[in-house]
Protein backbone atom coordinates (compact mmCIF):
# COMPACT_ATOMS: atom_id res chain seq x y z
CA MET A 1 -18.98 -4.17 -17.58
CA SER A 2 -17.51 -2.38 -14.55
CA THR A 3 -13.89 -2.70 -13.40
CA ALA A 4 -12.30 -3.02 -9.96
CA LEU A 5 -8.66 -2.23 -9.19
CA ILE A 6 -7.26 -4.20 -6.25
CA THR A 7 -3.87 -3.63 -4.64
CA GLY A 8 -2.21 -6.43 -2.71
CA ALA A 9 -4.17 -8.78 -4.96
CA SER A 10 -1.88 -11.81 -5.04
CA GLY A 11 -3.06 -13.37 -1.77
CA GLY A 12 -5.16 -13.05 1.37
CA ILE A 13 -7.94 -10.47 1.43
CA GLY A 14 -6.93 -8.96 -1.91
CA LYS A 15 -7.18 -12.31 -3.67
CA ALA A 16 -10.53 -12.99 -2.01
CA PHE A 17 -11.82 -9.65 -3.29
CA GLY A 18 -10.70 -10.60 -6.79
CA GLU A 19 -12.40 -13.98 -6.66
CA GLU A 20 -15.69 -12.58 -5.36
CA LEU A 21 -15.83 -9.65 -7.76
CA ALA A 22 -14.94 -11.86 -10.72
CA ALA A 23 -17.80 -14.17 -9.75
CA ARG A 24 -20.06 -11.09 -9.85
CA GLY A 25 -18.94 -10.35 -13.41
CA MET A 26 -16.54 -7.46 -12.82
CA ASN A 27 -13.40 -6.95 -14.84
CA LEU A 28 -10.27 -6.62 -12.71
CA VAL A 29 -6.96 -4.82 -12.51
CA LEU A 30 -4.75 -6.76 -10.10
CA VAL A 31 -1.75 -5.03 -8.51
CA ALA A 32 0.99 -6.69 -6.43
CA ARG A 33 4.69 -7.50 -6.42
CA SER A 34 4.28 -11.25 -7.00
CA GLU A 35 4.27 -11.64 -10.77
CA ALA A 36 3.79 -15.42 -10.89
CA LYS A 37 0.91 -15.39 -8.40
CA LEU A 38 -0.82 -12.51 -10.17
CA HIS A 39 -0.67 -14.12 -13.59
CA GLN A 40 -1.87 -17.46 -12.23
CA LEU A 41 -4.81 -15.80 -10.50
CA ALA A 42 -5.63 -13.74 -13.58
CA SER A 43 -5.63 -16.83 -15.79
CA GLU A 44 -7.88 -18.73 -13.41
CA LEU A 45 -10.41 -15.91 -13.07
CA GLN A 46 -10.53 -15.15 -16.79
CA THR A 47 -11.14 -18.79 -17.64
CA LYS A 48 -13.70 -19.41 -14.92
CA HIS A 49 -15.73 -16.22 -15.19
CA ASN A 50 -15.11 -14.97 -18.74
CA ILE A 51 -13.93 -11.56 -17.59
CA LYS A 52 -10.99 -9.33 -18.50
CA VAL A 53 -8.11 -9.19 -16.05
CA ASP A 54 -5.16 -6.83 -16.29
CA VAL A 55 -2.05 -7.46 -14.22
CA ILE A 56 0.26 -4.74 -12.93
CA VAL A 57 3.39 -6.04 -11.24
CA LYS A 58 4.37 -3.15 -9.01
CA ASP A 59 5.90 -2.56 -5.60
CA LEU A 60 3.88 0.28 -4.08
CA THR A 61 6.57 0.94 -1.47
CA GLU A 62 8.34 2.66 -4.37
CA THR A 63 7.43 6.34 -4.51
CA SER A 64 6.63 6.11 -8.24
CA GLY A 65 4.42 3.04 -7.81
CA SER A 66 1.07 4.84 -7.63
CA ASP A 67 1.89 6.96 -10.68
CA ASP A 68 2.84 3.84 -12.63
CA VAL A 69 -0.43 2.10 -11.75
CA PHE A 70 -2.52 5.14 -12.70
CA ASN A 71 -0.61 5.69 -15.94
CA TYR A 72 -1.19 2.05 -16.91
CA THR A 73 -4.96 2.35 -16.61
CA GLU A 74 -5.03 5.79 -18.25
CA GLU A 75 -2.98 4.68 -21.27
CA ARG A 76 -5.32 1.73 -21.84
CA GLY A 77 -8.50 3.66 -21.24
CA ILE A 78 -9.51 1.51 -18.27
CA LYS A 79 -12.22 3.19 -16.19
CA ILE A 80 -12.01 2.20 -12.53
CA ASP A 81 -15.43 1.88 -10.91
CA LEU A 82 -14.24 0.31 -7.65
CA LEU A 83 -10.85 1.01 -6.06
CA ILE A 84 -9.78 -1.38 -3.32
CA ASN A 85 -6.71 -0.16 -1.43
CA ASN A 86 -5.79 -3.42 0.27
CA ALA A 87 -1.98 -3.55 0.10
CA GLY A 88 -0.23 -3.19 3.43
CA PHE A 89 2.02 -4.88 5.97
CA GLY A 90 2.98 -4.76 9.64
CA ASP A 91 6.14 -5.22 11.67
CA TYR A 92 6.39 -6.51 15.25
CA GLY A 93 8.82 -5.28 17.88
CA GLU A 94 9.95 -2.28 19.90
CA PHE A 95 10.02 0.69 17.56
CA ALA A 96 13.51 1.85 18.56
CA GLN A 97 14.91 -1.60 17.79
CA ARG A 98 13.26 -2.09 14.39
CA ASP A 99 14.79 -1.28 11.01
CA VAL A 100 13.86 2.30 10.18
CA ASN A 101 13.66 1.60 6.45
CA ARG A 102 10.99 -1.03 7.03
CA GLN A 103 9.02 1.44 9.16
CA THR A 104 9.12 4.16 6.51
CA GLN A 105 8.23 1.64 3.79
CA MET A 106 5.19 0.71 5.90
CA VAL A 107 4.11 4.34 5.96
CA GLN A 108 4.71 4.59 2.21
CA LEU A 109 2.56 1.56 1.44
CA ASN A 110 -0.12 1.73 4.12
CA ILE A 111 -0.67 5.49 3.86
CA LEU A 112 1.05 7.33 1.01
CA ALA A 113 0.25 4.87 -1.78
CA LEU A 114 -3.34 4.61 -0.56
CA VAL A 115 -3.74 8.40 -0.48
CA ALA A 116 -2.12 8.81 -3.90
CA LEU A 117 -4.27 6.18 -5.61
CA THR A 118 -7.41 7.54 -3.99
CA HIS A 119 -6.55 11.05 -5.16
CA LYS A 120 -5.93 9.83 -8.70
CA TYR A 121 -9.16 7.89 -9.18
CA LEU A 122 -11.61 9.84 -7.02
CA PRO A 123 -12.02 12.95 -9.25
CA PHE A 124 -13.30 10.88 -12.18
CA MET A 125 -15.74 9.09 -9.87
CA GLN A 126 -16.99 12.46 -8.65
CA LYS A 127 -17.38 13.67 -12.23
CA CYS A 128 -19.38 10.55 -13.12
CA ARG A 129 -21.29 10.75 -9.84
CA ALA A 130 -20.67 7.04 -9.40
CA GLY A 131 -17.97 4.79 -8.06
CA SER A 132 -16.74 3.22 -4.85
CA ILE A 133 -13.57 3.03 -2.77
CA ILE A 134 -12.79 0.41 -0.13
CA ASN A 135 -9.79 1.09 2.08
CA VAL A 136 -8.69 -1.92 4.11
CA ALA A 137 -7.56 -0.98 7.61
CA SER A 138 -7.72 -3.17 10.74
CA ILE A 139 -9.22 -3.23 14.22
CA ALA A 140 -5.75 -1.98 15.17
CA ALA A 141 -7.00 1.37 13.81
CA PHE A 142 -9.08 2.03 16.91
CA GLN A 143 -6.30 2.30 19.49
CA PRO A 144 -2.51 2.68 19.78
CA ILE A 145 -0.84 -0.75 20.03
CA PRO A 146 2.65 -1.14 21.50
CA TYR A 147 5.05 -3.33 19.52
CA ILE A 148 3.15 -2.66 16.29
CA SER A 149 3.11 1.09 16.85
CA VAL A 150 3.68 2.24 13.27
CA TYR A 151 1.26 -0.32 11.81
CA ALA A 152 -1.55 0.65 14.20
CA ALA A 153 -0.90 4.33 13.54
CA THR A 154 -1.06 3.85 9.77
CA LYS A 155 -4.38 2.04 10.10
CA ALA A 156 -5.73 4.80 12.36
CA PHE A 157 -4.90 7.20 9.55
CA VAL A 158 -6.73 5.03 7.02
CA LEU A 159 -9.82 4.91 9.23
CA SER A 160 -9.90 8.68 9.83
CA PHE A 161 -9.14 9.47 6.18
CA SER A 162 -11.81 7.09 4.88
CA GLN A 163 -14.56 8.38 7.16
CA ALA A 164 -13.80 11.97 6.16
CA LEU A 165 -13.99 11.03 2.48
CA TRP A 166 -17.24 9.14 3.09
CA ALA A 167 -18.78 12.38 4.36
CA GLU A 168 -17.29 14.53 1.58
CA ASN A 169 -18.42 12.30 -1.26
CA ARG A 170 -22.01 11.35 -0.47
CA ARG A 171 -23.23 14.32 -2.48
CA TYR A 172 -21.37 12.98 -5.52
CA GLY A 173 -22.89 9.53 -5.26
CA VAL A 174 -19.44 8.05 -4.53
CA ARG A 175 -19.29 5.49 -1.73
CA VAL A 176 -16.26 5.21 0.55
CA LEU A 177 -15.86 2.39 3.06
CA CYS A 178 -13.17 1.51 5.59
CA SER A 179 -12.95 -2.24 6.19
CA CYS A 180 -11.52 -3.08 9.63
CA PRO A 181 -10.96 -6.82 9.95
CA GLY A 182 -9.64 -8.48 13.07
CA PRO A 183 -7.16 -11.37 12.92
CA THR A 184 -7.60 -12.99 9.51
CA ASP A 185 -6.30 -16.20 7.97
CA THR A 186 -3.55 -14.60 5.88
CA ASN A 187 0.24 -14.48 6.08
CA PHE A 188 0.11 -11.16 7.99
CA PHE A 189 1.53 -12.52 11.26
CA ALA A 190 4.38 -14.33 9.50
CA GLU A 191 5.32 -11.31 7.38
CA ALA A 192 5.13 -9.01 10.42
CA ARG A 193 7.40 -11.46 12.28
CA PHE A 194 5.13 -11.89 15.27
CA PRO A 195 6.47 -14.27 17.93
CA GLU A 196 4.49 -17.51 17.97
CA THR A 197 3.42 -16.84 21.56
CA ILE A 198 1.66 -13.63 20.48
CA ALA A 199 0.18 -14.98 17.25
CA ALA A 200 -1.20 -17.97 19.16
CA LYS A 201 -3.35 -15.65 21.31
CA ASN A 202 -5.47 -14.88 18.27
CA THR A 203 -7.80 -17.85 18.53
CA GLN A 204 -10.71 -16.20 16.72
CA ILE A 205 -9.53 -16.05 13.13
CA THR A 206 -11.74 -14.71 10.35
CA THR A 207 -11.43 -15.92 6.76
CA PRO A 208 -10.60 -13.49 3.96
CA GLU A 209 -13.88 -14.48 2.30
CA VAL A 210 -15.88 -13.32 5.33
CA VAL A 211 -14.00 -10.00 5.37
CA VAL A 212 -14.86 -9.49 1.70
CA GLN A 213 -18.53 -10.36 2.11
CA ASP A 214 -18.81 -8.04 5.11
CA ALA A 215 -17.16 -5.21 3.19
CA LEU A 216 -19.30 -5.56 0.07
CA ARG A 217 -22.51 -5.71 2.11
CA ALA A 218 -21.51 -2.62 4.07
CA LEU A 219 -20.59 -0.80 0.85
CA GLU A 220 -23.99 -1.55 -0.65
CA LYS A 221 -25.67 -0.20 2.51
CA GLY A 222 -23.66 3.01 2.31
CA ASP A 223 -21.82 2.48 5.59
CA SER A 224 -18.56 4.29 6.29
CA VAL A 225 -16.94 1.57 8.43
CA VAL A 226 -17.33 -2.16 8.91
CA VAL A 227 -15.60 -4.32 11.54
CA SER A 228 -15.28 -7.99 10.58
CA GLY A 229 -14.90 -10.87 12.99
CA GLY A 230 -18.09 -10.83 15.02
CA ILE A 231 -19.11 -9.39 18.37
CA THR A 232 -15.68 -9.72 19.98
CA ASN A 233 -13.94 -7.58 17.37
CA ASN A 234 -16.71 -4.99 17.49
CA ALA A 235 -16.27 -4.81 21.26
CA ILE A 236 -12.50 -4.37 20.86
CA ALA A 237 -13.08 -1.58 18.35
CA ASN A 238 -15.23 0.27 20.89
CA LEU A 239 -12.98 -0.17 23.93
CA SER A 240 -11.30 3.18 23.44
CA ARG A 241 -14.66 4.88 23.90
CA ILE A 242 -15.17 3.55 27.41
CA VAL A 243 -11.68 2.77 28.78
CA PRO A 244 -9.24 5.63 29.55
CA ARG A 245 -6.62 5.72 26.81
CA GLN A 246 -3.60 5.30 29.09
CA THR A 247 -5.23 2.37 30.85
CA LEU A 248 -6.04 0.71 27.54
CA VAL A 249 -2.56 1.18 26.08
CA SER A 250 -0.94 -0.12 29.28
CA PHE A 251 -3.11 -3.23 29.07
CA LEU A 252 -2.26 -3.73 25.38
CA GLU A 253 1.46 -3.41 26.14
CA LYS A 254 1.21 -6.43 28.42
CA GLN A 255 -0.89 -8.34 25.87
CA PHE A 256 1.46 -7.74 22.96
CA LYS A 257 4.78 -8.13 24.76
CA ALA A 258 6.57 -11.33 23.80
């Protein structure tokens, strides 16, 4: 029975990945900060699907977090067949006015933890000539976005990094996918402290379940990137190809200003 490791697994897209993969008969390693939520989810999935679920309560904004997760699976001999780097967060506001510690924690979680976990589990996948990695980014990855500047930049990194790894690893039989959902029915906007006037503009909301189904289908097809949320989000993702960058960013500044 294969095993998937999911970060940010206690809610939203991460939880939806866990539920879908458990239904497909995969064992799980669930990683998040929320101990109570993780254990409740693990209990539910084990009972419903007769699978094995390990729980790692870990804050990946800590620099030792990725090492601790990897050491846990190594010590227990857990082979990771599918790594889902889903953990991440955003923060709304003018960069100069935001708390610098929150900005650097965002980089730590959205980029550094993702890179570290990928680097830890990828070599074994290459050796086995099998395995998959899904990195969850956002449609924010396709252009700079004022007022969520660090978040959009971290997701641009994830997109570029994932596509490069997709190309590097085809010869090993390892699949790498970057999932780029648009606005999704999670607590992202609340945690990022978006003003209600801005959050309310996102009228086309995708469910976490749709994001997961889109990602798993794209992974099976061998795609490098998938944009969830329909035609509108795909159009947004391609705007930077046809609209001059300064023009686009100036327009987005007006759209995202509270």
